[in-house]
Amino acid sequence: DYTTAMAVTDTAIHEIDVLPWLVNDEWDEVQCIMPKTNSKVKNALKDPQIMIMKTKGGIINMLEVNVNCGFGYDINCEVVCENGVVNLPCPSFPTVRYANEVSTKIEDNWILRFIDSYDVEIQDWVDHARKGETGGSSAWDGYVASITADALVKSQTSGVPEKVVTGGTPDFYKK
């Protein structure tokens, strides 16, 4: 039941949401490029997809979504900076040497990688709610992620960069 648009709205949406926060910038334009479809795809799904997202300050983010990669649930992140590179560590699994091979497990399920993060996020929400406060992401953050996702889905068919137009952050969301 996974569709081409879901590569953006269900899979890439997490990066679409968090990256502007990480780089302290806003999205300007986004583009989705459709390479040759994976031979494992059995329906009209376009997979993999390459998403290029540019911020107003000129930072380029490149994201690959490849749900039919065939080797497991694998997430990699590399941040290329002026003076160095930062890589997101992979989950720790033992390296196994057996039958003339060396191997390391790759997850096959997103839940095992992110369940602790969801618990921390929900606990933070509960802690703020008990105090009558808000914390973490706002409705504006969700709105911007949705508008950005809409632009990427539009680019899936147009093939060209699409502007991300939010209308400007309302004052009560500015900190």
N, C-alpha and C. Protein backbone atom coordinates (compact mmCIF):
# COMPACT_ATOMS: atom_id res chain seq x y z
N ASP A 1 0.80 -1.21 0.00
CA ASP A 1 0.00 0.00 0.00
C ASP A 1 0.85 1.27 0.00
N TYR A 2 2.15 1.15 0.05
CA TYR A 2 3.07 2.29 0.09
C TYR A 2 3.08 2.97 -1.28
N THR A 3 2.86 4.30 -1.30
CA THR A 3 2.78 5.03 -2.56
C THR A 3 3.99 5.95 -2.75
N THR A 4 4.12 6.46 -3.95
CA THR A 4 5.21 7.37 -4.28
C THR A 4 5.19 8.60 -3.36
N ALA A 5 4.03 9.18 -3.14
CA ALA A 5 3.93 10.35 -2.26
C ALA A 5 4.33 10.02 -0.82
N MET A 6 4.10 8.80 -0.38
CA MET A 6 4.42 8.41 0.99
C MET A 6 5.92 8.42 1.26
N ALA A 7 6.74 8.35 0.22
CA ALA A 7 8.19 8.48 0.42
C ALA A 7 8.49 9.84 1.04
N VAL A 8 7.67 10.83 0.71
CA VAL A 8 7.80 12.16 1.30
C VAL A 8 7.00 12.25 2.60
N THR A 9 5.71 11.95 2.54
CA THR A 9 4.81 12.23 3.66
C THR A 9 4.93 11.27 4.84
N ASP A 10 5.45 10.07 4.62
CA ASP A 10 5.61 9.10 5.72
C ASP A 10 7.06 8.82 6.07
N THR A 11 7.96 8.94 5.11
CA THR A 11 9.35 8.57 5.35
C THR A 11 10.24 9.80 5.52
N ALA A 12 10.28 10.67 4.54
CA ALA A 12 11.17 11.84 4.59
C ALA A 12 10.67 12.94 5.52
N ILE A 13 9.42 12.86 5.96
CA ILE A 13 8.82 13.93 6.75
C ILE A 13 9.62 14.22 8.03
N HIS A 14 10.27 13.22 8.58
CA HIS A 14 11.03 13.42 9.81
C HIS A 14 12.24 14.33 9.56
N GLU A 15 12.94 14.10 8.46
CA GLU A 15 14.08 14.96 8.11
C GLU A 15 13.60 16.33 7.69
N ILE A 16 12.48 16.38 6.96
CA ILE A 16 11.90 17.66 6.54
C ILE A 16 11.62 18.52 7.77
N ASP A 17 11.16 17.89 8.84
CA ASP A 17 10.80 18.60 10.07
C ASP A 17 12.03 19.02 10.87
N VAL A 18 12.99 18.13 11.05
CA VAL A 18 14.09 18.40 11.98
C VAL A 18 15.24 19.21 11.37
N LEU A 19 15.49 19.09 10.08
CA LEU A 19 16.66 19.74 9.51
C LEU A 19 16.66 21.27 9.64
N PRO A 20 15.55 21.97 9.42
CA PRO A 20 15.59 23.43 9.63
C PRO A 20 15.97 23.80 11.07
N TRP A 21 15.51 23.02 12.03
CA TRP A 21 15.86 23.25 13.43
C TRP A 21 17.35 23.04 13.64
N LEU A 22 17.90 21.97 13.05
CA LEU A 22 19.32 21.67 13.23
C LEU A 22 20.23 22.75 12.65
N VAL A 23 19.84 23.33 11.52
CA VAL A 23 20.69 24.34 10.86
C VAL A 23 20.23 25.76 11.13
N ASN A 24 19.15 25.93 11.92
CA ASN A 24 18.63 27.25 12.27
C ASN A 24 18.35 28.10 11.03
N ASP A 25 17.60 27.51 10.12
CA ASP A 25 17.26 28.19 8.86
C ASP A 25 15.90 27.68 8.39
N GLU A 26 15.34 28.33 7.39
CA GLU A 26 14.03 27.95 6.85
C GLU A 26 14.20 27.41 5.44
N TRP A 27 13.28 26.52 5.02
CA TRP A 27 13.31 26.00 3.66
C TRP A 27 12.99 27.09 2.66
N ASP A 28 13.67 27.06 1.53
CA ASP A 28 13.41 27.98 0.44
C ASP A 28 12.78 27.23 -0.74
N GLU A 29 13.47 26.18 -1.22
CA GLU A 29 12.92 25.39 -2.31
C GLU A 29 13.36 23.95 -2.18
N VAL A 30 12.57 23.07 -2.77
CA VAL A 30 12.82 21.63 -2.69
C VAL A 30 12.60 21.00 -4.05
N GLN A 31 13.26 19.89 -4.27
CA GLN A 31 13.09 19.15 -5.53
C GLN A 31 13.20 17.67 -5.26
N CYS A 32 12.38 16.89 -5.95
CA CYS A 32 12.43 15.44 -5.85
C CYS A 32 12.82 14.89 -7.22
N ILE A 33 13.91 14.14 -7.24
CA ILE A 33 14.40 13.54 -8.48
C ILE A 33 14.10 12.05 -8.44
N MET A 34 13.60 11.54 -9.55
CA MET A 34 13.23 10.13 -9.63
C MET A 34 14.25 9.37 -10.49
N PRO A 35 15.19 8.67 -9.87
CA PRO A 35 16.12 7.86 -10.66
C PRO A 35 15.41 6.62 -11.22
N LYS A 36 16.15 5.78 -11.87
CA LYS A 36 15.61 4.52 -12.37
C LYS A 36 14.98 3.75 -11.22
N THR A 37 13.78 3.22 -11.43
CA THR A 37 13.05 2.51 -10.39
C THR A 37 13.73 1.18 -10.07
N ASN A 38 13.77 0.88 -8.78
CA ASN A 38 14.33 -0.37 -8.29
C ASN A 38 13.59 -1.55 -8.90
N SER A 39 14.31 -2.58 -9.30
CA SER A 39 13.69 -3.75 -9.93
C SER A 39 12.82 -4.54 -8.97
N LYS A 40 12.95 -4.31 -7.66
CA LYS A 40 12.15 -5.03 -6.66
C LYS A 40 10.74 -4.45 -6.51
N VAL A 41 10.50 -3.26 -7.07
CA VAL A 41 9.19 -2.61 -6.95
C VAL A 41 8.18 -3.36 -7.80
N LYS A 42 7.04 -3.69 -7.19
CA LYS A 42 6.02 -4.50 -7.87
C LYS A 42 4.77 -3.72 -8.27
N ASN A 43 4.76 -2.41 -8.06
CA ASN A 43 3.59 -1.62 -8.44
C ASN A 43 4.06 -0.31 -9.08
N ALA A 44 3.27 0.71 -9.05
CA ALA A 44 3.60 1.98 -9.69
C ALA A 44 4.51 2.87 -8.84
N LEU A 45 4.94 2.38 -7.69
CA LEU A 45 5.80 3.15 -6.79
C LEU A 45 7.08 3.57 -7.49
N LYS A 46 7.44 4.84 -7.33
CA LYS A 46 8.74 5.35 -7.79
C LYS A 46 9.69 5.24 -6.62
N ASP A 47 10.67 4.36 -6.74
CA ASP A 47 11.60 4.09 -5.65
C ASP A 47 12.92 3.63 -6.25
N PRO A 48 14.02 4.27 -5.92
CA PRO A 48 14.26 5.27 -4.89
C PRO A 48 13.88 6.68 -5.35
N GLN A 49 14.00 7.61 -4.41
CA GLN A 49 13.79 9.03 -4.70
C GLN A 49 14.92 9.83 -4.03
N ILE A 50 15.38 10.87 -4.73
CA ILE A 50 16.40 11.76 -4.20
C ILE A 50 15.75 13.12 -3.98
N MET A 51 15.83 13.62 -2.77
CA MET A 51 15.22 14.91 -2.43
C MET A 51 16.32 15.92 -2.12
N ILE A 52 16.27 17.04 -2.81
CA ILE A 52 17.23 18.12 -2.60
C ILE A 52 16.45 19.29 -2.00
N MET A 53 16.87 19.71 -0.82
CA MET A 53 16.15 20.75 -0.09
C MET A 53 17.12 21.86 0.25
N LYS A 54 16.79 23.08 -0.19
CA LYS A 54 17.67 24.23 0.00
C LYS A 54 17.03 25.19 0.98
N THR A 55 17.86 25.69 1.93
CA THR A 55 17.36 26.66 2.89
C THR A 55 17.53 28.08 2.33
N LYS A 56 16.87 29.03 2.98
CA LYS A 56 16.98 30.43 2.56
C LYS A 56 18.42 30.93 2.67
N GLY A 57 19.20 30.36 3.58
CA GLY A 57 20.60 30.75 3.75
C GLY A 57 21.55 30.02 2.81
N GLY A 58 21.02 29.14 1.96
CA GLY A 58 21.85 28.46 0.97
C GLY A 58 22.38 27.10 1.37
N ILE A 59 21.93 26.55 2.49
CA ILE A 59 22.36 25.22 2.90
C ILE A 59 21.60 24.19 2.07
N ILE A 60 22.34 23.24 1.52
CA ILE A 60 21.73 22.18 0.71
C ILE A 60 21.66 20.90 1.52
N ASN A 61 20.49 20.29 1.55
CA ASN A 61 20.28 19.00 2.20
C ASN A 61 19.87 18.00 1.13
N MET A 62 20.55 16.87 1.08
CA MET A 62 20.21 15.82 0.12
C MET A 62 19.74 14.60 0.90
N LEU A 63 18.62 14.06 0.49
CA LEU A 63 18.01 12.94 1.18
C LEU A 63 17.64 11.87 0.17
N GLU A 64 18.04 10.65 0.43
CA GLU A 64 17.66 9.52 -0.41
C GLU A 64 16.67 8.67 0.35
N VAL A 65 15.55 8.36 -0.30
CA VAL A 65 14.59 7.42 0.26
C VAL A 65 14.57 6.22 -0.68
N ASN A 66 14.85 5.06 -0.12
CA ASN A 66 14.94 3.83 -0.92
C ASN A 66 14.31 2.71 -0.10
N VAL A 67 12.99 2.59 -0.16
CA VAL A 67 12.29 1.65 0.71
C VAL A 67 12.41 0.20 0.24
N ASN A 68 12.83 -0.02 -0.99
CA ASN A 68 13.00 -1.37 -1.51
C ASN A 68 14.47 -1.73 -1.69
N CYS A 69 15.32 -1.19 -0.82
CA CYS A 69 16.76 -1.41 -0.95
C CYS A 69 17.12 -2.89 -0.82
N GLY A 70 16.33 -3.65 -0.08
CA GLY A 70 16.53 -5.09 -0.01
C GLY A 70 17.56 -5.56 1.01
N PHE A 71 18.18 -4.66 1.76
CA PHE A 71 19.19 -5.12 2.71
C PHE A 71 18.90 -4.78 4.16
N GLY A 72 17.78 -4.14 4.46
CA GLY A 72 17.43 -3.84 5.84
C GLY A 72 17.03 -2.39 6.02
N TYR A 73 16.72 -2.03 7.27
CA TYR A 73 16.33 -0.66 7.62
C TYR A 73 17.60 0.08 8.00
N ASP A 74 18.06 0.93 7.11
CA ASP A 74 19.36 1.57 7.28
C ASP A 74 19.21 3.07 7.15
N ILE A 75 19.70 3.80 8.15
CA ILE A 75 19.67 5.26 8.10
C ILE A 75 21.10 5.76 8.26
N ASN A 76 21.49 6.64 7.36
CA ASN A 76 22.81 7.25 7.44
C ASN A 76 22.64 8.75 7.37
N CYS A 77 23.50 9.47 8.06
CA CYS A 77 23.48 10.92 7.99
C CYS A 77 24.91 11.41 8.01
N GLU A 78 25.23 12.25 7.05
CA GLU A 78 26.55 12.85 6.98
C GLU A 78 26.38 14.35 6.82
N VAL A 79 26.99 15.11 7.71
CA VAL A 79 26.93 16.56 7.65
C VAL A 79 28.31 17.05 7.22
N VAL A 80 28.35 17.66 6.04
CA VAL A 80 29.60 18.17 5.50
C VAL A 80 29.68 19.65 5.83
N CYS A 81 30.66 20.02 6.65
CA CYS A 81 30.83 21.39 7.12
C CYS A 81 32.07 22.00 6.48
N GLU A 82 32.33 23.26 6.76
CA GLU A 82 33.50 23.94 6.21
C GLU A 82 34.81 23.28 6.62
N ASN A 83 34.89 22.85 7.86
CA ASN A 83 36.16 22.36 8.39
C ASN A 83 36.16 20.88 8.77
N GLY A 84 35.13 20.16 8.39
CA GLY A 84 35.09 18.74 8.75
C GLY A 84 33.76 18.11 8.40
N VAL A 85 33.64 16.85 8.74
CA VAL A 85 32.44 16.06 8.45
C VAL A 85 32.01 15.35 9.73
N VAL A 86 30.68 15.31 9.95
CA VAL A 86 30.12 14.60 11.09
C VAL A 86 29.22 13.50 10.55
N ASN A 87 29.38 12.28 11.07
CA ASN A 87 28.53 11.16 10.67
C ASN A 87 27.71 10.67 11.85
N LEU A 88 26.43 10.40 11.60
CA LEU A 88 25.56 9.80 12.60
C LEU A 88 26.02 8.37 12.82
N PRO A 89 26.22 7.95 14.06
CA PRO A 89 26.68 6.58 14.28
C PRO A 89 25.57 5.57 13.99
N CYS A 90 25.97 4.41 13.53
CA CYS A 90 25.03 3.31 13.33
C CYS A 90 24.80 2.61 14.65
N PRO A 91 23.64 1.97 14.82
CA PRO A 91 23.42 1.20 16.05
C PRO A 91 24.51 0.14 16.18
N SER A 92 24.85 -0.17 17.41
CA SER A 92 25.92 -1.15 17.66
C SER A 92 25.41 -2.57 17.58
N PHE A 93 26.03 -3.35 16.73
CA PHE A 93 25.79 -4.78 16.64
C PHE A 93 27.15 -5.45 16.56
N PRO A 94 27.26 -6.64 17.08
CA PRO A 94 28.56 -7.31 17.00
C PRO A 94 28.92 -7.69 15.56
N THR A 95 30.20 -7.68 15.30
CA THR A 95 30.70 -8.17 14.02
C THR A 95 30.91 -9.67 14.18
N VAL A 96 30.36 -10.43 13.27
CA VAL A 96 30.41 -11.89 13.34
C VAL A 96 31.32 -12.42 12.23
N ARG A 97 32.25 -13.26 12.60
CA ARG A 97 33.10 -13.95 11.64
C ARG A 97 32.66 -15.41 11.66
N TYR A 98 32.15 -15.87 10.51
CA TYR A 98 31.63 -17.22 10.44
C TYR A 98 31.59 -17.67 8.98
N ALA A 99 31.97 -18.89 8.73
CA ALA A 99 31.90 -19.51 7.40
C ALA A 99 32.57 -18.64 6.34
N ASN A 100 33.77 -18.20 6.61
CA ASN A 100 34.57 -17.40 5.68
C ASN A 100 33.94 -16.04 5.35
N GLU A 101 33.15 -15.50 6.26
CA GLU A 101 32.53 -14.19 6.06
C GLU A 101 32.63 -13.36 7.34
N VAL A 102 32.63 -12.05 7.16
CA VAL A 102 32.54 -11.11 8.27
C VAL A 102 31.26 -10.32 8.04
N SER A 103 30.39 -10.27 9.05
CA SER A 103 29.11 -9.57 8.85
C SER A 103 28.70 -8.82 10.11
N THR A 104 27.89 -7.80 9.91
CA THR A 104 27.30 -7.03 10.98
C THR A 104 25.82 -6.85 10.65
N LYS A 105 24.96 -7.10 11.60
CA LYS A 105 23.51 -7.01 11.40
C LYS A 105 23.09 -5.59 11.03
N ILE A 106 22.08 -5.48 10.20
CA ILE A 106 21.38 -4.22 9.89
C ILE A 106 19.94 -4.42 10.33
N GLU A 107 19.38 -3.43 11.02
CA GLU A 107 17.99 -3.51 11.46
C GLU A 107 17.05 -3.78 10.28
N ASP A 108 15.91 -4.40 10.59
CA ASP A 108 14.89 -4.59 9.57
C ASP A 108 13.58 -3.91 9.98
N ASN A 109 13.63 -3.11 11.07
CA ASN A 109 12.42 -2.50 11.57
C ASN A 109 12.77 -1.15 12.21
N TRP A 110 12.06 -0.10 11.84
CA TRP A 110 12.33 1.24 12.36
C TRP A 110 12.12 1.34 13.87
N ILE A 111 11.21 0.56 14.40
CA ILE A 111 10.86 0.70 15.81
C ILE A 111 12.04 0.44 16.72
N LEU A 112 12.87 -0.51 16.38
CA LEU A 112 14.01 -0.84 17.23
C LEU A 112 15.01 0.31 17.31
N ARG A 113 15.10 1.09 16.23
CA ARG A 113 16.05 2.20 16.21
C ARG A 113 15.52 3.43 16.95
N PHE A 114 14.21 3.64 16.91
CA PHE A 114 13.67 4.91 17.39
C PHE A 114 12.76 4.83 18.60
N ILE A 115 12.49 3.66 19.15
CA ILE A 115 11.53 3.56 20.25
C ILE A 115 11.95 4.39 21.46
N ASP A 116 13.23 4.40 21.79
CA ASP A 116 13.69 5.21 22.92
C ASP A 116 13.47 6.70 22.67
N SER A 117 13.68 7.15 21.43
CA SER A 117 13.46 8.56 21.09
C SER A 117 12.00 8.95 21.26
N TYR A 118 11.09 8.07 20.83
CA TYR A 118 9.67 8.36 20.98
C TYR A 118 9.31 8.44 22.47
N ASP A 119 9.86 7.55 23.28
CA ASP A 119 9.58 7.58 24.72
C ASP A 119 10.04 8.90 25.33
N VAL A 120 11.24 9.36 24.97
CA VAL A 120 11.77 10.63 25.50
C VAL A 120 10.89 11.79 25.06
N GLU A 121 10.48 11.81 23.79
CA GLU A 121 9.65 12.88 23.26
C GLU A 121 8.29 12.93 23.96
N ILE A 122 7.66 11.79 24.14
CA ILE A 122 6.36 11.75 24.80
C ILE A 122 6.48 12.15 26.26
N GLN A 123 7.53 11.69 26.95
CA GLN A 123 7.74 12.06 28.35
C GLN A 123 7.93 13.57 28.49
N ASP A 124 8.67 14.17 27.56
CA ASP A 124 8.88 15.61 27.57
C ASP A 124 7.54 16.33 27.43
N TRP A 125 6.68 15.85 26.53
CA TRP A 125 5.36 16.44 26.34
C TRP A 125 4.54 16.33 27.63
N VAL A 126 4.55 15.16 28.26
CA VAL A 126 3.80 14.95 29.50
C VAL A 126 4.31 15.87 30.60
N ASP A 127 5.64 15.95 30.75
CA ASP A 127 6.23 16.81 31.78
C ASP A 127 5.81 18.26 31.60
N HIS A 128 5.82 18.75 30.35
CA HIS A 128 5.38 20.13 30.10
C HIS A 128 3.88 20.29 30.36
N ALA A 129 3.08 19.33 29.93
CA ALA A 129 1.63 19.41 30.10
C ALA A 129 1.25 19.44 31.58
N ARG A 130 1.95 18.67 32.41
CA ARG A 130 1.68 18.66 33.86
C ARG A 130 1.92 20.02 34.49
N LYS A 131 2.83 20.79 33.90
CA LYS A 131 3.13 22.13 34.40
C LYS A 131 2.27 23.19 33.73
N GLY A 132 1.38 22.77 32.81
CA GLY A 132 0.56 23.73 32.09
C GLY A 132 1.35 24.50 31.05
N GLU A 133 2.44 23.92 30.56
CA GLU A 133 3.32 24.57 29.59
C GLU A 133 3.30 23.81 28.27
N THR A 134 3.87 24.44 27.29
CA THR A 134 4.13 23.74 26.04
C THR A 134 5.65 23.64 25.88
N GLY A 135 6.09 22.68 25.12
CA GLY A 135 7.51 22.50 24.87
C GLY A 135 7.71 21.71 23.60
N GLY A 136 8.94 21.67 23.17
CA GLY A 136 9.23 20.90 21.96
C GLY A 136 8.69 21.57 20.72
N SER A 137 8.27 20.76 19.79
CA SER A 137 7.77 21.27 18.51
C SER A 137 6.43 21.99 18.70
N SER A 138 6.17 22.92 17.79
CA SER A 138 4.90 23.67 17.83
C SER A 138 4.03 23.28 16.63
N ALA A 139 2.82 23.77 16.63
CA ALA A 139 1.94 23.57 15.48
C ALA A 139 2.54 24.21 14.24
N TRP A 140 3.28 25.31 14.43
CA TRP A 140 3.94 25.97 13.29
C TRP A 140 4.97 25.04 12.66
N ASP A 141 5.74 24.34 13.49
CA ASP A 141 6.73 23.39 12.97
C ASP A 141 6.04 22.32 12.10
N GLY A 142 4.93 21.81 12.57
CA GLY A 142 4.17 20.83 11.80
C GLY A 142 3.62 21.41 10.51
N TYR A 143 3.15 22.65 10.57
CA TYR A 143 2.65 23.32 9.38
C TYR A 143 3.75 23.47 8.33
N VAL A 144 4.91 23.93 8.76
CA VAL A 144 6.03 24.12 7.83
C VAL A 144 6.45 22.79 7.22
N ALA A 145 6.51 21.74 8.04
CA ALA A 145 6.85 20.41 7.51
C ALA A 145 5.81 19.97 6.48
N SER A 146 4.54 20.23 6.75
CA SER A 146 3.47 19.85 5.81
C SER A 146 3.55 20.62 4.50
N ILE A 147 3.79 21.94 4.58
CA ILE A 147 3.92 22.77 3.38
C ILE A 147 5.13 22.31 2.56
N THR A 148 6.22 21.99 3.24
CA THR A 148 7.43 21.52 2.56
C THR A 148 7.17 20.18 1.89
N ALA A 149 6.49 19.28 2.59
CA ALA A 149 6.15 17.98 2.02
C ALA A 149 5.26 18.15 0.79
N ASP A 150 4.30 19.07 0.86
CA ASP A 150 3.44 19.34 -0.30
C ASP A 150 4.26 19.78 -1.51
N ALA A 151 5.26 20.63 -1.26
CA ALA A 151 6.11 21.10 -2.36
C ALA A 151 6.93 19.95 -2.94
N LEU A 152 7.43 19.06 -2.09
CA LEU A 152 8.18 17.90 -2.59
C LEU A 152 7.29 16.96 -3.38
N VAL A 153 6.08 16.72 -2.92
CA VAL A 153 5.15 15.85 -3.65
C VAL A 153 4.83 16.48 -5.01
N LYS A 154 4.66 17.80 -5.05
CA LYS A 154 4.44 18.48 -6.33
C LYS A 154 5.64 18.28 -7.25
N SER A 155 6.84 18.36 -6.69
CA SER A 155 8.05 18.18 -7.48
C SER A 155 8.21 16.74 -7.98
N GLN A 156 7.59 15.78 -7.29
CA GLN A 156 7.65 14.39 -7.76
C GLN A 156 7.09 14.27 -9.18
N THR A 157 6.08 15.07 -9.49
CA THR A 157 5.50 15.01 -10.83
C THR A 157 6.01 16.12 -11.75
N SER A 158 6.30 17.29 -11.20
CA SER A 158 6.79 18.39 -12.04
C SER A 158 8.24 18.17 -12.45
N GLY A 159 9.02 17.55 -11.57
CA GLY A 159 10.43 17.31 -11.84
C GLY A 159 11.32 18.53 -11.67
N VAL A 160 10.75 19.63 -11.24
CA VAL A 160 11.53 20.86 -11.08
C VAL A 160 11.50 21.30 -9.62
N PRO A 161 12.44 22.19 -9.23
CA PRO A 161 12.40 22.72 -7.87
C PRO A 161 11.09 23.47 -7.62
N GLU A 162 10.56 23.32 -6.44
CA GLU A 162 9.33 24.01 -6.04
C GLU A 162 9.62 24.87 -4.82
N LYS A 163 9.09 26.08 -4.81
CA LYS A 163 9.27 26.99 -3.68
C LYS A 163 8.46 26.52 -2.48
N VAL A 164 9.00 26.76 -1.29
CA VAL A 164 8.29 26.49 -0.04
C VAL A 164 7.79 27.84 0.45
N VAL A 165 6.48 28.03 0.39
CA VAL A 165 5.88 29.31 0.74
C VAL A 165 5.02 29.13 1.98
N THR A 166 5.47 29.71 3.10
CA THR A 166 4.76 29.54 4.36
C THR A 166 3.92 30.76 4.74
N GLY A 167 4.26 31.91 4.19
CA GLY A 167 3.55 33.13 4.57
C GLY A 167 4.20 33.84 5.74
N GLY A 168 5.31 33.31 6.25
CA GLY A 168 6.02 33.95 7.37
C GLY A 168 5.56 33.47 8.70
N THR A 169 6.47 33.33 9.61
CA THR A 169 6.17 32.83 10.96
C THR A 169 5.38 33.86 11.76
N PRO A 170 4.20 33.47 12.28
CA PRO A 170 3.43 34.39 13.14
C PRO A 170 4.26 34.76 14.37
N ASP A 171 4.08 35.98 14.86
CA ASP A 171 4.86 36.48 15.98
C ASP A 171 4.80 35.59 17.22
N PHE A 172 3.62 35.01 17.51
CA PHE A 172 3.51 34.23 18.74
C PHE A 172 4.28 32.92 18.71
N TYR A 173 4.83 32.53 17.52
CA TYR A 173 5.69 31.34 17.44
C TYR A 173 7.16 31.73 17.51
N LYS A 174 7.47 33.00 17.42
CA LYS A 174 8.86 33.43 17.46
C LYS A 174 9.32 33.49 18.91
N LYS A 175 10.54 33.02 19.13
CA LYS A 175 11.04 32.98 20.51
C LYS A 175 12.05 34.04 20.73
